[in-house]
Structures are given as C-alpha cells and as structure tokens.
Amino acid sequence: MVRRKPQNHRKPLGIAWPVNSILALGINFWYNDEIVYNKNFEQKLIKMKSVLNLWYPRNLTLYGRITILKSLAISKPIYNSSVPTFPKKFVAMVNQAITQFVWNKKAKIKHRTMIGPKEQGGLDMPDFQIINEALKVVWVRR
C-alpha cells in the first residue's frame, strides 16, 4: 500500500506541512514508515556492506576481519539504532552481514563462541544485538 503525501494545505500557526522527510541529527522523520525505514536503516546497511565488500577479497585472518568490523563497519548502523522505533529484523540483517564477512558466507564456529572474550577462547567478534541492547541500557541509565 502506497501512502500519499499529505494534501492538507492549511498552515496552522503559520507552519506548513513538510513535503519530504525531515532530517534531524542524522535521523529521518516522516509519516511514511517505509520511507523512514529505507532512509534510516537500509541505507546504513548498504553503506556497511559496501565497506565490507572493499575488504572481502583480501586474504585476512579472522582477527583481521573482526578488526575491520569493529573499526570501520559496525559504526555505520549503531547511531541509527538508537531511535525509539527500531525494527527488530534489522538486527538480524546486520548480524548476518557480519557473519558472512567473517566466514566467507558460512559460519564454522558457533556464534556464541565467536563473540566470547579471547581469554575464554572466543574472538571478541561484535554482536549487533548485544551492542544495541547495551546502548539502550546506557540511555535509560542516563
């Protein structure tokens, strides 16, 4: 179902309806949820995947790939995940992109082991679900 732009041409208090989405602090707001999802989340996922695709053909170790994830890629979707209306399927899509990058498509070690600390045999791989929940807890605490 395609939503139409607002047809209300009244200007209460001298304020007109916006024709396009409103960009405030890097987050798009608008009445159409599909367009907001596309601009806020799908575009960030595309940017993250493009960074990963630059490093994908290189012959990196697991530690090297995880370092690329932590330093260059995971920062793209983190800020936008702080909005209150956050789609849950986005977490799965980001985690899937992370797994595909680290393992060249199919995982060979359990995800739980990979995200564990190095002292316990893990690789300190970032898990977007845990990062997102931690950011929400810190936000509530503030």
Protein backbone atom coordinates (compact mmCIF):
# COMPACT_ATOMS: atom_id res chain seq x y z
CA MET A 1 0.00 0.00 0.00
CA VAL A 2 1.48 3.31 -1.08
CA ARG A 3 0.77 6.27 1.14
CA ARG A 4 0.26 9.62 -0.43
CA LYS A 5 1.78 12.88 0.60
CA PRO A 6 -0.36 14.99 2.91
CA GLN A 7 -2.88 17.06 1.00
CA ASN A 8 -3.53 19.49 3.81
CA HIS A 9 -2.52 22.95 2.64
CA ARG A 10 -3.58 24.75 5.79
CA LYS A 11 -0.85 26.39 7.80
CA PRO A 12 -1.74 26.25 11.49
CA LEU A 13 0.28 28.83 13.39
CA GLY A 14 1.96 29.72 10.09
CA ILE A 15 3.70 26.34 9.81
CA ALA A 16 3.40 24.38 6.57
CA TRP A 17 3.45 20.58 6.20
CA PRO A 18 6.81 19.26 5.05
CA VAL A 19 6.85 17.82 1.55
CA ASN A 20 9.81 15.50 2.19
CA SER A 21 11.19 13.76 5.25
CA ILE A 22 12.77 15.87 7.96
CA LEU A 23 16.42 15.21 8.77
CA ALA A 24 17.32 15.96 12.39
CA LEU A 25 20.69 14.90 13.86
CA GLY A 26 21.19 12.36 11.09
CA ILE A 27 17.81 10.63 11.57
CA ASN A 28 14.97 10.99 9.05
CA PHE A 29 11.45 11.56 10.35
CA TRP A 30 8.28 11.35 8.30
CA TYR A 31 4.79 9.94 8.47
CA ASN A 32 5.56 7.13 5.97
CA ASP A 33 7.24 4.28 7.89
CA GLU A 34 8.53 2.55 4.75
CA ILE A 35 10.48 5.58 3.57
CA VAL A 36 11.84 6.23 7.06
CA TYR A 37 12.96 2.59 7.33
CA ASN A 38 14.65 2.82 3.94
CA LYS A 39 16.49 6.04 4.71
CA ASN A 40 17.44 5.30 8.32
CA PHE A 41 18.23 1.61 8.20
CA GLU A 42 18.53 0.11 4.72
CA GLN A 43 20.86 2.88 3.57
CA LYS A 44 23.12 2.34 6.61
CA LEU A 45 23.16 -1.40 5.97
CA ILE A 46 24.12 -0.79 2.34
CA LYS A 47 26.96 1.51 3.47
CA MET A 48 28.17 -1.09 5.95
CA LYS A 49 28.11 -3.83 3.32
CA SER A 50 29.99 -1.63 0.85
CA VAL A 51 32.79 -1.15 3.40
CA LEU A 52 32.88 -4.89 3.98
CA ASN A 53 32.93 -5.58 0.24
CA LEU A 54 36.07 -3.49 -0.10
CA TRP A 55 37.85 -5.75 2.39
CA TYR A 56 36.16 -9.03 1.41
CA PRO A 57 38.56 -10.11 -1.38
CA ARG A 58 41.64 -9.54 0.76
CA ASN A 59 43.22 -12.53 2.40
CA LEU A 60 42.68 -11.53 6.05
CA THR A 61 42.80 -13.69 9.16
CA LEU A 62 39.76 -13.98 11.43
CA TYR A 63 41.32 -11.42 13.77
CA GLY A 64 41.89 -9.07 10.82
CA ARG A 65 38.27 -9.37 9.66
CA ILE A 66 36.98 -8.76 13.17
CA THR A 67 39.21 -5.69 13.47
CA ILE A 68 37.76 -4.33 10.21
CA LEU A 69 34.25 -4.95 11.58
CA LYS A 70 34.97 -3.14 14.84
CA SER A 71 36.83 -0.19 13.39
CA LEU A 72 35.13 0.52 10.06
CA ALA A 73 31.83 -1.29 9.56
CA ILE A 74 29.82 -1.62 12.78
CA SER A 75 29.91 2.13 13.40
CA LYS A 76 27.66 2.77 10.37
CA PRO A 77 24.37 1.38 11.79
CA ILE A 78 24.98 2.00 15.51
CA TYR A 79 23.80 5.62 15.73
CA ASN A 80 20.57 4.99 13.85
CA SER A 81 19.73 2.03 16.07
CA SER A 82 19.28 4.42 18.99
CA VAL A 83 15.92 5.69 17.69
CA PRO A 84 12.86 4.51 19.66
CA THR A 85 11.13 2.88 16.68
CA PHE A 86 13.82 0.39 15.83
CA PRO A 87 12.94 -2.56 13.55
CA LYS A 88 13.92 -5.89 15.10
CA LYS A 89 14.64 -7.51 11.74
CA PHE A 90 17.45 -5.00 11.20
CA VAL A 91 19.50 -6.63 13.99
CA ALA A 92 19.30 -9.99 12.24
CA MET A 93 20.30 -8.43 8.92
CA VAL A 94 23.37 -6.73 10.42
CA ASN A 95 24.44 -9.88 12.28
CA GLN A 96 24.02 -11.88 9.08
CA ALA A 97 26.24 -9.43 7.17
CA ILE A 98 28.85 -9.69 9.94
CA THR A 99 28.83 -13.50 9.85
CA GLN A 100 29.07 -13.59 6.07
CA PHE A 101 32.03 -11.23 6.10
CA VAL A 102 33.96 -13.09 8.79
CA TRP A 103 33.35 -16.59 7.45
CA ASN A 104 33.10 -16.06 3.70
CA LYS A 105 29.39 -16.95 3.71
CA LYS A 106 29.02 -19.88 6.17
CA ALA A 107 29.99 -19.98 9.86
CA LYS A 108 32.36 -22.70 11.02
CA ILE A 109 32.31 -21.93 14.76
CA LYS A 110 29.29 -21.25 16.95
CA HIS A 111 28.27 -17.61 17.17
CA ARG A 112 28.32 -17.72 20.97
CA THR A 113 31.95 -18.82 20.93
CA MET A 114 32.94 -16.13 18.42
CA ILE A 115 31.52 -13.26 20.49
CA GLY A 116 33.18 -14.52 23.66
CA PRO A 117 36.29 -12.88 25.12
CA LYS A 118 39.72 -14.04 23.95
CA GLU A 119 40.60 -15.22 27.45
CA GLN A 120 37.83 -17.82 27.24
CA GLY A 121 38.63 -18.99 23.70
CA GLY A 122 36.46 -16.51 21.80
CA LEU A 123 37.45 -13.93 19.21
CA ASP A 124 35.71 -10.80 20.60
CA MET A 125 33.54 -10.59 17.48
CA PRO A 126 30.93 -7.82 17.74
CA ASP A 127 27.29 -8.90 18.10
CA PHE A 128 24.92 -6.16 16.99
CA GLN A 129 22.10 -7.45 19.23
CA ILE A 130 24.26 -7.10 22.34
CA ILE A 131 25.64 -3.72 21.25
CA ASN A 132 22.14 -2.40 20.61
CA GLU A 133 20.83 -3.61 23.98
CA ALA A 134 23.84 -2.17 25.80
CA LEU A 135 23.29 1.21 24.18
CA LYS A 136 19.64 1.18 25.26
CA VAL A 137 20.57 0.31 28.86
CA VAL A 138 23.11 3.13 28.99
CA TRP A 139 20.50 5.51 27.57
CA VAL A 140 17.97 4.52 30.29
CA ARG A 141 20.61 4.90 32.99
CA ARG A 142 21.39 8.44 31.84
